[in-house]
PDB file of N, CA and C in Angstrom:
ATOM      1  N   UNK A   1       0.287   8.075 -21.787  1.00  0.00           N
ATOM      2  CA  UNK A   1       0.896   7.407 -20.551  1.00  0.00           C
ATOM      3  C   UNK A   1       2.281   7.660 -21.179  1.00  0.00           C
ATOM      4  N   UNK A   2       2.547   7.330 -20.650  1.00  0.00           N
ATOM      5  CA  UNK A   2       5.193   6.523 -20.061  1.00  0.00           C
ATOM      6  C   UNK A   2       5.108   6.650 -19.553  1.00  0.00           C
ATOM      7  N   UNK A   3       6.060   5.816 -19.263  1.00  0.00           N
ATOM      8  CA  UNK A   3       6.900   5.070 -17.499  1.00  0.00           C
ATOM      9  C   UNK A   3       8.019   4.220 -17.755  1.00  0.00           C
ATOM     10  N   UNK A   4       9.363   5.669 -17.895  1.00  0.00           N
ATOM     11  CA  UNK A   4      10.921   5.138 -18.152  1.00  0.00           C
ATOM     12  C   UNK A   4      11.768   5.312 -16.371  1.00  0.00           C
ATOM     13  N   UNK A   5      12.498   3.959 -17.055  1.00  0.00           N
ATOM     14  CA  UNK A   5      13.234   4.687 -15.593  1.00  0.00           C
ATOM     15  C   UNK A   5      14.247   5.419 -16.215  1.00  0.00           C
ATOM     16  N   UNK A   6      14.582   5.663 -14.178  1.00  0.00           N
ATOM     17  CA  UNK A   6      15.068   6.777 -13.989  1.00  0.00           C
ATOM     18  C   UNK A   6      16.329   5.713 -13.435  1.00  0.00           C
ATOM     19  N   UNK A   7      17.798   6.148 -14.067  1.00  0.00           N
ATOM     20  CA  UNK A   7      18.489   5.207 -12.218  1.00  0.00           C
ATOM     21  C   UNK A   7      19.385   7.009 -11.631  1.00  0.00           C
ATOM     22  N   UNK A   8      19.676   6.839 -10.483  1.00  0.00           N
ATOM     23  CA  UNK A   8      19.727   7.844  -9.357  1.00  0.00           C
ATOM     24  C   UNK A   8      21.787   7.503  -9.556  1.00  0.00           C
ATOM     25  N   UNK A   9      22.229   8.116  -8.921  1.00  0.00           N
ATOM     26  CA  UNK A   9      23.564   7.778  -9.074  1.00  0.00           C
ATOM     27  C   UNK A   9      24.540   9.356  -8.003  1.00  0.00           C
ATOM     28  N   UNK A  10      24.338   8.876  -6.595  1.00  0.00           N
ATOM     29  CA  UNK A  10      25.426  10.480  -6.424  1.00  0.00           C
ATOM     30  C   UNK A  10      27.092  10.026  -6.417  1.00  0.00           C
ATOM     31  N   UNK A  11      27.620  11.284  -6.755  1.00  0.00           N
ATOM     32  CA  UNK A  11      28.631  11.556  -6.693  1.00  0.00           C
ATOM     33  C   UNK A  11      29.131  12.372  -6.152  1.00  0.00           C
ATOM     34  N   UNK A  12      30.152  12.261  -6.302  1.00  0.00           N
ATOM     35  CA  UNK A  12      31.549  13.978  -5.870  1.00  0.00           C
ATOM     36  C   UNK A  12      30.980  14.877  -5.650  1.00  0.00           C
ATOM     37  N   UNK A  13      30.847  16.026  -6.463  1.00  0.00           N
ATOM     38  CA  UNK A  13      29.991  16.540  -6.246  1.00  0.00           C
ATOM     39  C   UNK A  13      28.288  16.712  -5.785  1.00  0.00           C
ATOM     40  N   UNK A  14      27.784  16.285  -6.170  1.00  0.00           N
ATOM     41  CA  UNK A  14      26.040  15.424  -6.000  1.00  0.00           C
ATOM     42  C   UNK A  14      25.173  14.592  -7.279  1.00  0.00           C
ATOM     43  N   UNK A  15      24.239  14.448  -7.480  1.00  0.00           N
ATOM     44  CA  UNK A  15      23.435  13.634  -7.850  1.00  0.00           C
ATOM     45  C   UNK A  15      23.838  13.581  -9.220  1.00  0.00           C
ATOM     46  N   UNK A  16      23.597  12.571 -10.502  1.00  0.00           N
ATOM     47  CA  UNK A  16      23.668  12.111 -11.824  1.00  0.00           C
ATOM     48  C   UNK A  16      21.827  11.624 -11.832  1.00  0.00           C
ATOM     49  N   UNK A  17      21.499  12.023 -13.081  1.00  0.00           N
ATOM     50  CA  UNK A  17      20.888  10.514 -13.704  1.00  0.00           C
ATOM     51  C   UNK A  17      20.885  10.505 -15.273  1.00  0.00           C
ATOM     52  N   UNK A  18      19.259   9.437 -15.103  1.00  0.00           N
ATOM     53  CA  UNK A  18      19.559   9.663 -16.147  1.00  0.00           C
ATOM     54  C   UNK A  18      19.282   8.295 -17.448  1.00  0.00           C
ATOM     55  N   UNK A  19      18.533   7.751 -18.315  1.00  0.00           N
ATOM     56  CA  UNK A  19      17.244   7.150 -19.017  1.00  0.00           C
ATOM     57  C   UNK A  19      17.931   6.401 -19.648  1.00  0.00           C
ATOM     58  N   UNK A  20      17.973   5.519 -19.158  1.00  0.00           N
ATOM     59  CA  UNK A  20      18.761   4.719 -20.252  1.00  0.00           C
ATOM     60  C   UNK A  20      18.001   4.326 -21.882  1.00  0.00           C
ATOM     61  N   UNK A  21      16.929   4.470 -21.616  1.00  0.00           N
ATOM     62  CA  UNK A  21      15.328   4.535 -23.106  1.00  0.00           C
ATOM     63  C   UNK A  21      14.857   5.478 -23.385  1.00  0.00           C
ATOM     64  N   UNK A  22      16.024   7.012 -22.900  1.00  0.00           N
ATOM     65  CA  UNK A  22      16.221   7.972 -23.968  1.00  0.00           C
ATOM     66  C   UNK A  22      17.648   7.777 -24.101  1.00  0.00           C
ATOM     67  N   UNK A  23      18.520   7.584 -24.554  1.00  0.00           N
ATOM     68  CA  UNK A  23      19.624   7.896 -24.725  1.00  0.00           C
ATOM     69  C   UNK A  23      19.440   9.565 -25.605  1.00  0.00           C
ATOM     70  N   UNK A  24      21.397  10.306 -24.310  1.00  0.00           N
ATOM     71  CA  UNK A  24      20.899  11.366 -23.995  1.00  0.00           C
ATOM     72  C   UNK A  24      20.902  12.357 -23.117  1.00  0.00           C
ATOM     73  N   UNK A  25      19.630  11.624 -22.579  1.00  0.00           N
ATOM     74  CA  UNK A  25      18.261  12.630 -21.344  1.00  0.00           C
ATOM     75  C   UNK A  25      19.268  12.146 -20.057  1.00  0.00           C
ATOM     76  N   UNK A  26      20.232  13.432 -19.262  1.00  0.00           N
ATOM     77  CA  UNK A  26      20.840  12.874 -18.812  1.00  0.00           C
ATOM     78  C   UNK A  26      21.037  14.632 -17.926  1.00  0.00           C
ATOM     79  N   UNK A  27      21.039  14.510 -16.371  1.00  0.00           N
ATOM     80  CA  UNK A  27      20.585  15.407 -15.098  1.00  0.00           C
ATOM     81  C   UNK A  27      21.366  15.016 -14.350  1.00  0.00           C
ATOM     82  N   UNK A  28      21.906  16.677 -13.897  1.00  0.00           N
ATOM     83  CA  UNK A  28      22.710  16.694 -12.026  1.00  0.00           C
ATOM     84  C   UNK A  28      21.700  17.660 -11.545  1.00  0.00           C
ATOM     85  N   UNK A  29      22.296  17.366  -9.987  1.00  0.00           N
ATOM     86  CA  UNK A  29      22.131  18.642  -9.037  1.00  0.00           C
ATOM     87  C   UNK A  29      22.815  18.188  -7.693  1.00  0.00           C
ATOM     88  N   UNK A  30      22.317  18.578  -7.085  1.00  0.00           N
ATOM     89  CA  UNK A  30      23.786  19.478  -6.311  1.00  0.00           C
ATOM     90  C   UNK A  30      22.822  18.112  -5.284  1.00  0.00           C
ATOM     91  N   UNK A  31      22.139  18.308  -5.186  1.00  0.00           N
ATOM     92  CA  UNK A  31      20.578  17.672  -4.151  1.00  0.00           C
ATOM     93  C   UNK A  31      19.514  16.195  -5.587  1.00  0.00           C
ATOM     94  N   UNK A  32      19.296  15.173  -4.742  1.00  0.00           N
ATOM     95  CA  UNK A  32      18.853  14.527  -5.488  1.00  0.00           C
ATOM     96  C   UNK A  32      17.218  14.577  -5.169  1.00  0.00           C
ATOM     97  N   UNK A  33      17.075  15.788  -4.875  1.00  0.00           N
ATOM     98  CA  UNK A  33      16.204  16.824  -5.271  1.00  0.00           C
ATOM     99  C   UNK A  33      15.797  17.009  -5.601  1.00  0.00           C
ATOM    100  N   UNK A  34      16.813  18.142  -5.943  1.00  0.00           N
ATOM    101  CA  UNK A  34      17.180  18.322  -7.351  1.00  0.00           C
ATOM    102  C   UNK A  34      17.392  17.933  -8.142  1.00  0.00           C
ATOM    103  N   UNK A  35      17.984  17.336  -8.719  1.00  0.00           N
ATOM    104  CA  UNK A  35      18.153  16.217  -9.919  1.00  0.00           C
ATOM    105  C   UNK A  35      17.158  15.337 -10.281  1.00  0.00           C
ATOM    106  N   UNK A  36      15.778  15.181  -9.795  1.00  0.00           N
ATOM    107  CA  UNK A  36      14.339  14.609 -10.258  1.00  0.00           C
ATOM    108  C   UNK A  36      13.447  16.264 -10.126  1.00  0.00           C
ATOM    109  N   UNK A  37      14.001  16.948  -9.869  1.00  0.00           N
ATOM    110  CA  UNK A  37      13.141  17.545 -10.574  1.00  0.00           C
ATOM    111  C   UNK A  37      14.096  18.106 -12.108  1.00  0.00           C
ATOM    112  N   UNK A  38      15.001  18.462 -12.074  1.00  0.00           N
ATOM    113  CA  UNK A  38      15.757  18.342 -13.330  1.00  0.00           C
ATOM    114  C   UNK A  38      16.111  17.010 -14.880  1.00  0.00           C
ATOM    115  N   UNK A  39      15.884  15.815 -14.415  1.00  0.00           N
ATOM    116  CA  UNK A  39      15.435  14.734 -14.577  1.00  0.00           C
ATOM    117  C   UNK A  39      14.684  14.686 -15.186  1.00  0.00           C
ATOM    118  N   UNK A  40      12.596  15.202 -14.220  1.00  0.00           N
ATOM    119  CA  UNK A  40      11.665  14.964 -14.592  1.00  0.00           C
ATOM    120  C   UNK A  40      11.458  16.042 -15.719  1.00  0.00           C
ATOM    121  N   UNK A  41      11.992  18.105 -16.147  1.00  0.00           N
ATOM    122  CA  UNK A  41      12.594  17.939 -16.411  1.00  0.00           C
ATOM    123  C   UNK A  41      12.792  18.010 -18.340  1.00  0.00           C
ATOM    124  N   UNK A  42      13.758  17.353 -17.722  1.00  0.00           N
ATOM    125  CA  UNK A  42      14.891  17.374 -19.579  1.00  0.00           C
ATOM    126  C   UNK A  42      13.810  16.241 -19.712  1.00  0.00           C
ATOM    127  N   UNK A  43      13.349  15.212 -19.371  1.00  0.00           N
ATOM    128  CA  UNK A  43      12.155  14.256 -19.970  1.00  0.00           C
ATOM    129  C   UNK A  43      11.362  14.967 -20.789  1.00  0.00           C
ATOM    130  N   UNK A  44      10.440  15.293 -19.765  1.00  0.00           N
ATOM    131  CA  UNK A  44       9.555  16.288 -20.310  1.00  0.00           C
ATOM    132  C   UNK A  44       9.221  17.468 -21.318  1.00  0.00           C
ATOM    133  N   UNK A  45      10.363  17.898 -21.691  1.00  0.00           N
ATOM    134  CA  UNK A  45      10.766  18.869 -22.277  1.00  0.00           C
ATOM    135  C   UNK A  45      10.979  17.307 -24.094  1.00  0.00           C
ATOM    136  N   UNK A  46      12.302  16.627 -23.519  1.00  0.00           N
ATOM    137  CA  UNK A  46      12.461  16.105 -25.292  1.00  0.00           C
ATOM    138  C   UNK A  46      10.822  15.507 -25.505  1.00  0.00           C
ATOM    139  N   UNK A  47      10.487  14.125 -24.655  1.00  0.00           N
ATOM    140  CA  UNK A  47       9.215  14.011 -25.079  1.00  0.00           C
ATOM    141  C   UNK A  47       8.503  14.963 -26.141  1.00  0.00           C
ATOM    142  N   UNK A  48       8.831  15.979 -25.032  1.00  0.00           N
ATOM    143  CA  UNK A  48       7.784  17.885 -25.988  1.00  0.00           C
ATOM    144  C   UNK A  48       7.805  17.785 -28.144  1.00  0.00           C
ATOM    145  N   UNK A  49       9.705  17.934 -27.594  1.00  0.00           N
ATOM    146  CA  UNK A  49      10.226  17.677 -28.696  1.00  0.00           C
ATOM    147  C   UNK A  49       9.917  16.906 -29.708  1.00  0.00           C
ATOM    148  N   UNK A  50       9.628  16.044 -29.068  1.00  0.00           N
ATOM    149  CA  UNK A  50       9.824  14.263 -30.053  1.00  0.00           C
ATOM    150  C   UNK A  50       8.096  14.695 -30.998  1.00  0.00           C
ATOM    151  N   UNK A  51       7.390  14.843 -30.067  1.00  0.00           N
ATOM    152  CA  UNK A  51       5.658  14.314 -30.487  1.00  0.00           C
ATOM    153  C   UNK A  51       5.891  15.879 -31.217  1.00  0.00           C
ATOM    154  N   UNK A  52       6.226  17.261 -30.954  1.00  0.00           N
ATOM    155  CA  UNK A  52       5.997  18.576 -31.976  1.00  0.00           C
ATOM    156  C   UNK A  52       6.764  18.059 -33.873  1.00  0.00           C
ATOM    157  N   UNK A  53       7.218  17.475 -33.800  1.00  0.00           N
ATOM    158  CA  UNK A  53       9.009  17.005 -34.463  1.00  0.00           C
ATOM    159  C   UNK A  53       8.110  16.235 -35.130  1.00  0.00           C
ATOM    160  N   UNK A  54       6.546  15.276 -35.026  1.00  0.00           N
ATOM    161  CA  UNK A  54       6.829  14.095 -34.756  1.00  0.00           C
ATOM    162  C   UNK A  54       7.503  12.606 -35.616  1.00  0.00           C
ATOM    163  N   UNK A  55       7.790  12.600 -34.892  1.00  0.00           N
ATOM    164  CA  UNK A  55       9.002  12.146 -34.649  1.00  0.00           C
ATOM    165  C   UNK A  55       7.956  11.153 -33.142  1.00  0.00           C
ATOM    166  N   UNK A  56       8.662   9.628 -33.214  1.00  0.00           N
ATOM    167  CA  UNK A  56       8.816   8.999 -32.756  1.00  0.00           C
ATOM    168  C   UNK A  56       8.754   8.631 -31.331  1.00  0.00           C
ATOM    169  N   UNK A  57       7.096   8.126 -30.230  1.00  0.00           N
ATOM    170  CA  UNK A  57       8.337   7.824 -29.215  1.00  0.00           C
ATOM    171  C   UNK A  57       9.120   7.249 -28.311  1.00  0.00           C
ATOM    172  N   UNK A  58       8.736   7.030 -27.996  1.00  0.00           N
ATOM    173  CA  UNK A  58      10.178   6.056 -27.251  1.00  0.00           C
ATOM    174  C   UNK A  58       9.290   4.608 -26.901  1.00  0.00           C
ATOM    175  N   UNK A  59       8.877   3.762 -26.601  1.00  0.00           N
ATOM    176  CA  UNK A  59       8.832   3.197 -25.519  1.00  0.00           C
ATOM    177  C   UNK A  59       9.940   2.305 -24.202  1.00  0.00           C
ATOM    178  N   UNK A  60       9.444   2.274 -23.701  1.00  0.00           N
ATOM    179  CA  UNK A  60      10.271   1.678 -22.241  1.00  0.00           C
ATOM    180  C   UNK A  60      10.796   0.591 -22.357  1.00  0.00           C
ATOM    181  N   UNK A  61      11.464   0.077 -22.309  1.00  0.00           N
ATOM    182  CA  UNK A  61      12.148  -1.868 -22.102  1.00  0.00           C
ATOM    183  C   UNK A  61      12.938  -1.845 -21.041  1.00  0.00           C
ATOM    184  N   UNK A  62      13.832  -1.103 -20.362  1.00  0.00           N
ATOM    185  CA  UNK A  62      14.364  -1.006 -19.550  1.00  0.00           C
ATOM    186  C   UNK A  62      13.557  -1.290 -18.712  1.00  0.00           C
ATOM    187  N   UNK A  63      14.112  -2.247 -17.381  1.00  0.00           N
ATOM    188  CA  UNK A  63      14.476  -2.782 -16.042  1.00  0.00           C
ATOM    189  C   UNK A  63      14.815  -2.640 -14.791  1.00  0.00           C
ATOM    190  N   UNK A  64      14.406  -2.954 -14.038  1.00  0.00           N
ATOM    191  CA  UNK A  64      15.837  -3.024 -12.902  1.00  0.00           C
ATOM    192  C   UNK A  64      15.413  -4.253 -12.212  1.00  0.00           C
ATOM    193  N   UNK A  65      16.720  -4.127 -10.673  1.00  0.00           N
ATOM    194  CA  UNK A  65      16.130  -5.209 -10.190  1.00  0.00           C
ATOM    195  C   UNK A  65      17.415  -5.466  -9.561  1.00  0.00           C
ATOM    196  N   UNK A  66      16.890  -5.103  -7.744  1.00  0.00           N
ATOM    197  CA  UNK A  66      18.280  -4.729  -6.361  1.00  0.00           C
ATOM    198  C   UNK A  66      18.347  -7.057  -6.756  1.00  0.00           C
ATOM    199  N   UNK A  67      19.496  -6.983  -7.178  1.00  0.00           N
ATOM    200  CA  UNK A  67      19.918  -8.180  -5.694  1.00  0.00           C
ATOM    201  C   UNK A  67      20.896  -7.582  -4.857  1.00  0.00           C
ATOM    202  N   UNK A  68      20.096  -8.973  -3.400  1.00  0.00           N
ATOM    203  CA  UNK A  68      21.244  -9.032  -2.727  1.00  0.00           C
ATOM    204  C   UNK A  68      21.835 -10.176  -2.438  1.00  0.00           C
ATOM    205  N   UNK A  69      23.436  -9.207  -1.532  1.00  0.00           N
ATOM    206  CA  UNK A  69      24.028 -10.333  -1.666  1.00  0.00           C
ATOM    207  C   UNK A  69      25.281 -10.630   0.300  1.00  0.00           C
ATOM    208  N   UNK A  70      25.509 -11.917   0.831  1.00  0.00           N
ATOM    209  CA  UNK A  70      25.828 -11.409   1.943  1.00  0.00           C
ATOM    210  C   UNK A  70      26.944 -11.861   1.566  1.00  0.00           C
ATOM    211  N   UNK A  71      27.889 -11.157   2.571  1.00  0.00           N
ATOM    212  CA  UNK A  71      29.552 -10.887   2.019  1.00  0.00           C
ATOM    213  C   UNK A  71      30.133 -11.111   3.184  1.00  0.00           C
TER     214      UNK A  71
END
Protein backbone atom coordinates (compact mmCIF):
# COMPACT_ATOMS: atom_id res chain seq x y z
CA UNK A 1 0.00 0.00 0.00
CA UNK A 2 1.24 3.51 -0.86
CA UNK A 3 0.00 6.88 0.31
CA UNK A 4 0.58 9.99 -1.80
CA UNK A 5 -0.01 13.64 -1.03
CA UNK A 6 -2.63 15.15 -3.34
CA UNK A 7 -2.82 18.94 -3.64
CA UNK A 8 -6.23 20.41 -4.51
CA UNK A 9 -6.65 23.93 -5.84
CA UNK A 10 -9.77 25.97 -6.55
CA UNK A 11 -9.73 27.42 -10.07
CA UNK A 12 -11.96 29.86 -11.95
CA UNK A 13 -13.82 26.97 -13.58
CA UNK A 14 -13.75 24.31 -10.86
CA UNK A 15 -10.92 22.40 -9.19
CA UNK A 16 -7.58 20.89 -10.10
CA UNK A 17 -5.36 18.38 -8.33
CA UNK A 18 -1.82 17.12 -8.67
CA UNK A 19 0.52 14.68 -6.94
CA UNK A 20 4.01 16.08 -6.18
CA UNK A 21 5.56 12.60 -5.98
CA UNK A 22 4.12 11.52 -9.35
CA UNK A 23 5.19 14.14 -11.92
CA UNK A 24 2.69 14.59 -14.72
CA UNK A 25 -0.25 13.20 -12.77
CA UNK A 26 -2.99 15.81 -12.57
CA UNK A 27 -6.76 16.04 -12.84
CA UNK A 28 -9.47 18.65 -13.17
CA UNK A 29 -13.16 18.75 -12.45
CA UNK A 30 -16.08 21.09 -12.13
CA UNK A 31 -16.58 20.10 -8.47
CA UNK A 32 -14.19 18.90 -5.78
CA UNK A 33 -15.96 15.55 -5.69
CA UNK A 34 -15.36 15.08 -9.42
CA UNK A 35 -11.69 16.05 -9.19
CA UNK A 36 -11.21 13.69 -6.23
CA UNK A 37 -12.59 10.82 -8.34
CA UNK A 38 -10.51 11.84 -11.36
CA UNK A 39 -7.21 12.13 -9.46
CA UNK A 40 -7.78 8.78 -7.74
CA UNK A 41 -8.38 7.12 -11.11
CA UNK A 42 -5.33 8.88 -12.62
CA UNK A 43 -3.05 7.69 -9.82
CA UNK A 44 -4.43 4.16 -9.97
CA UNK A 45 -4.02 3.97 -13.77
CA UNK A 46 -0.47 5.34 -13.59
CA UNK A 47 0.65 2.95 -10.84
CA UNK A 48 -0.90 -0.05 -12.63
CA UNK A 49 0.97 0.94 -15.80
CA UNK A 50 4.27 1.25 -13.95
CA UNK A 51 3.75 -2.15 -12.35
CA UNK A 52 2.79 -3.78 -15.65
CA UNK A 53 5.92 -2.41 -17.34
CA UNK A 54 8.10 -3.46 -14.37
CA UNK A 55 9.07 0.11 -13.46
CA UNK A 56 9.84 1.17 -9.93
CA UNK A 57 6.82 2.52 -8.01
CA UNK A 58 7.90 5.90 -6.56
CA UNK A 59 7.98 6.23 -2.80
CA UNK A 60 6.07 9.11 -1.30
CA UNK A 61 8.27 11.88 0.06
CA UNK A 62 6.13 15.02 -0.18
CA UNK A 63 4.76 16.46 3.05
CA UNK A 64 2.38 19.28 3.82
CA UNK A 65 1.55 21.48 6.73
CA UNK A 66 -0.81 24.37 7.30
CA UNK A 67 0.71 27.50 8.79
CA UNK A 68 -1.63 30.02 10.38
CA UNK A 69 -0.87 33.75 10.39
CA UNK A 70 -2.66 36.55 12.14
CA UNK A 71 -2.73 39.76 10.16
